[in-house]
């Protein structure tokens, strides 16, 4: 079980999630120009460019449990609040 403390607009609540799979989206960004600039910087030092964007990959639930804090940014979509 993953437990999250959500902070939005001065309010805090808690949500729990029983995840079957965790998928991370990489090579995402709000500023597409900055994202492409970063890809070019990495390409200049030999890091291959992604074949497509965003890139999705799975992480194990065991790894997720080792992380004490996860930070996310972006819009908060209202979901059913856990009690």
Protein backbone atom coordinates (compact mmCIF):
# COMPACT_ATOMS: atom_id res chain seq x y z
CA UNK A 1 0.00 0.00 0.00
CA UNK A 2 1.36 3.41 -0.97
CA UNK A 3 0.23 6.35 1.14
CA UNK A 4 0.36 9.90 -0.19
CA UNK A 5 0.02 13.22 1.52
CA UNK A 6 -1.39 15.68 -1.01
CA UNK A 7 -0.86 19.43 -0.72
CA UNK A 8 -2.94 21.73 -2.88
CA UNK A 9 -4.25 25.26 -2.49
CA UNK A 10 -3.36 25.39 1.19
CA UNK A 11 -5.12 22.11 1.98
CA UNK A 12 -3.63 18.74 2.87
CA UNK A 13 -5.21 15.32 2.72
CA UNK A 14 -4.06 11.72 2.59
CA UNK A 15 -4.68 9.11 -0.09
CA UNK A 16 -3.74 5.43 -0.24
CA UNK A 17 -3.15 3.38 -3.34
CA UNK A 18 -2.84 -0.38 -3.74
CA UNK A 19 -0.77 -0.37 -6.92
CA UNK A 20 -0.54 -3.38 -9.21
CA UNK A 21 2.04 -1.61 -11.39
CA UNK A 22 3.91 1.69 -11.30
CA UNK A 23 4.70 3.43 -14.55
CA UNK A 24 6.97 6.45 -14.80
CA UNK A 25 6.83 8.90 -17.69
CA UNK A 26 10.23 10.24 -18.65
CA UNK A 27 11.21 12.96 -21.09
CA UNK A 28 8.22 15.04 -20.17
CA UNK A 29 8.14 18.72 -19.43
CA UNK A 30 5.99 21.80 -19.34
CA UNK A 31 8.51 23.74 -21.42
CA UNK A 32 8.98 21.79 -24.65
CA UNK A 33 11.76 24.09 -25.88
CA UNK A 34 13.75 23.54 -22.67
CA UNK A 35 13.14 19.78 -22.92
CA UNK A 36 14.56 19.65 -26.46
CA UNK A 37 17.51 21.81 -25.38
CA UNK A 38 18.27 19.33 -22.59
CA UNK A 39 18.08 16.41 -25.04
CA UNK A 40 20.59 18.20 -27.29
CA UNK A 41 22.91 18.82 -24.33
CA UNK A 42 22.86 15.13 -23.47
CA UNK A 43 23.33 14.12 -27.12
CA UNK A 44 26.44 16.30 -27.21
CA UNK A 45 28.02 14.14 -24.50
CA UNK A 46 26.96 10.86 -26.09
CA UNK A 47 23.60 10.11 -24.47
CA UNK A 48 21.28 8.73 -27.18
CA UNK A 49 18.17 10.73 -27.97
CA UNK A 50 14.89 9.05 -27.03
CA UNK A 51 13.11 7.38 -29.94
CA UNK A 52 9.81 8.93 -28.84
CA UNK A 53 8.51 11.16 -26.08
CA UNK A 54 7.32 10.71 -23.48
CA UNK A 55 9.03 7.44 -22.57
CA UNK A 56 7.10 5.13 -20.25
CA UNK A 57 8.74 2.49 -18.09
CA UNK A 58 7.71 0.32 -15.18
CA UNK A 59 9.33 0.37 -11.76
CA UNK A 60 8.93 -2.38 -9.22
CA UNK A 61 6.72 -1.96 -6.19
CA UNK A 62 9.66 -3.08 -4.04
CA UNK A 63 11.73 -0.12 -5.22
CA UNK A 64 8.83 2.24 -4.63
CA UNK A 65 8.59 1.12 -1.02
CA UNK A 66 12.23 2.05 -0.40
CA UNK A 67 11.60 5.69 -1.30
CA UNK A 68 10.61 7.70 1.73
CA UNK A 69 9.41 10.74 -0.20
CA UNK A 70 8.08 11.15 -3.73
CA UNK A 71 7.61 14.62 -5.18
CA UNK A 72 5.24 15.36 -8.03
CA UNK A 73 4.38 18.62 -9.66
CA UNK A 74 1.60 19.64 -11.96
CA UNK A 75 -2.13 19.96 -11.71
CA UNK A 76 -3.91 18.06 -9.01
CA UNK A 77 -6.93 16.18 -10.31
CA UNK A 78 -9.60 15.78 -7.70
CA UNK A 79 -10.12 12.17 -6.85
CA UNK A 80 -12.13 10.35 -4.25
CA UNK A 81 -10.59 11.27 -0.90
CA UNK A 82 -9.66 8.45 1.43
CA UNK A 83 -10.93 8.67 4.97
